[in-house]
């Protein structure tokens, strides 16, 4: 069982809400990625700088590339969903590794 060291609080709840409330289209993916951006900012404040830079910074940069592609209409709905799922998977894996609870 994972012992949680950190809690994302409201931004984690907003992320989960964006995921569950959205449809599988570019607009919903953008909402999820905007919430994920907020979560990365909170994680950056919670973790020691070296831990954030070691794992989270690269994933945050990748998420921003995905977000920009959707925002500028470079991805169709199917690609947007697949790329957003990838970004979420990477984020959740890192949260599990660092003991960060994404609030329900």
Protein backbone atom coordinates (compact mmCIF):
# COMPACT_ATOMS: atom_id res chain seq x y z
CA UNK A 1 0.00 0.00 0.00
CA UNK A 2 1.30 3.41 -0.94
CA UNK A 3 1.86 5.91 1.80
CA UNK A 4 0.97 9.35 0.56
CA UNK A 5 3.46 12.10 1.43
CA UNK A 6 1.76 14.91 -0.46
CA UNK A 7 -1.79 15.88 -1.43
CA UNK A 8 -2.68 17.95 -4.49
CA UNK A 9 -5.87 19.15 -2.82
CA UNK A 10 -8.20 21.28 -4.93
CA UNK A 11 -6.12 21.23 -8.11
CA UNK A 12 -6.12 17.41 -7.98
CA UNK A 13 -9.88 17.47 -7.55
CA UNK A 14 -10.20 19.83 -10.54
CA UNK A 15 -8.07 17.45 -12.61
CA UNK A 16 -10.23 14.47 -11.73
CA UNK A 17 -13.37 16.50 -12.44
CA UNK A 18 -12.06 17.57 -15.84
CA UNK A 19 -11.29 13.94 -16.67
CA UNK A 20 -14.67 12.59 -15.59
CA UNK A 21 -16.79 15.47 -16.94
CA UNK A 22 -15.26 15.62 -20.40
CA UNK A 23 -16.04 13.94 -23.64
CA UNK A 24 -13.40 12.38 -25.84
CA UNK A 25 -12.66 15.42 -27.98
CA UNK A 26 -10.00 18.09 -28.32
CA UNK A 27 -11.87 20.66 -26.24
CA UNK A 28 -12.19 18.31 -23.26
CA UNK A 29 -8.57 17.25 -23.63
CA UNK A 30 -7.50 20.88 -23.47
CA UNK A 31 -9.49 21.32 -20.23
CA UNK A 32 -7.79 18.23 -18.75
CA UNK A 33 -4.35 19.44 -19.79
CA UNK A 34 -5.01 22.90 -18.34
CA UNK A 35 -5.91 21.24 -15.02
CA UNK A 36 -2.82 19.05 -15.33
CA UNK A 37 -0.71 22.17 -15.86
CA UNK A 38 -2.01 23.49 -12.54
CA UNK A 39 -1.12 20.19 -10.86
CA UNK A 40 2.43 20.31 -12.20
CA UNK A 41 2.78 23.83 -10.78
CA UNK A 42 1.63 22.62 -7.37
CA UNK A 43 3.94 19.59 -7.47
CA UNK A 44 6.83 21.92 -8.28
CA UNK A 45 6.08 23.90 -5.10
CA UNK A 46 5.72 20.76 -2.94
CA UNK A 47 8.76 18.73 -3.95
CA UNK A 48 12.40 19.53 -3.37
CA UNK A 49 13.77 21.17 -6.55
CA UNK A 50 16.08 18.27 -7.38
CA UNK A 51 13.20 15.75 -7.25
CA UNK A 52 11.00 17.91 -9.46
CA UNK A 53 13.78 18.56 -11.96
CA UNK A 54 14.76 14.90 -12.07
CA UNK A 55 11.41 13.50 -13.20
CA UNK A 56 8.59 16.01 -13.36
CA UNK A 57 10.16 18.82 -15.41
CA UNK A 58 10.57 16.69 -18.54
CA UNK A 59 7.02 15.32 -18.25
CA UNK A 60 5.66 18.83 -17.75
CA UNK A 61 7.48 19.97 -20.90
CA UNK A 62 6.01 17.05 -22.85
CA UNK A 63 2.54 17.89 -21.54
CA UNK A 64 2.98 21.51 -22.69
CA UNK A 65 3.88 20.33 -26.20
CA UNK A 66 0.75 18.16 -26.29
CA UNK A 67 -1.37 21.03 -24.92
CA UNK A 68 0.00 23.47 -27.49
CA UNK A 69 -0.69 21.05 -30.34
CA UNK A 70 -4.30 20.74 -29.29
CA UNK A 71 -4.69 24.45 -28.60
CA UNK A 72 -3.43 25.34 -32.07
CA UNK A 73 -5.57 22.71 -33.81
CA UNK A 74 -2.69 20.47 -34.87
CA UNK A 75 -4.32 17.30 -33.45
CA UNK A 76 -7.64 15.75 -34.39
CA UNK A 77 -9.87 14.43 -31.58
CA UNK A 78 -8.42 10.92 -31.72
CA UNK A 79 -4.80 12.11 -31.48
CA UNK A 80 -5.72 14.62 -28.77
CA UNK A 81 -7.30 11.88 -26.65
CA UNK A 82 -4.37 9.50 -27.13
CA UNK A 83 -1.80 12.19 -26.31
CA UNK A 84 -3.77 13.39 -23.28
CA UNK A 85 -4.07 9.82 -22.00
CA UNK A 86 -0.31 9.47 -22.36
CA UNK A 87 0.33 12.71 -20.44
CA UNK A 88 -2.04 11.61 -17.65
CA UNK A 89 -0.47 8.16 -17.45
CA UNK A 90 3.00 9.65 -17.06
CA UNK A 91 1.78 12.10 -14.42
CA UNK A 92 -0.03 9.45 -12.37
CA UNK A 93 2.98 7.12 -12.53
CA UNK A 94 5.23 9.86 -11.18
CA UNK A 95 2.70 10.76 -8.50
CA UNK A 96 2.63 7.13 -7.38
CA UNK A 97 6.43 7.01 -7.30
CA UNK A 98 6.68 10.16 -5.19
CA UNK A 99 3.69 9.48 -2.94
CA UNK A 100 1.51 12.30 -4.26
CA UNK A 101 -2.23 11.87 -3.77
CA UNK A 102 -4.45 13.24 -6.53
CA UNK A 103 -7.52 14.21 -4.56
CA UNK A 104 -10.87 12.69 -5.47
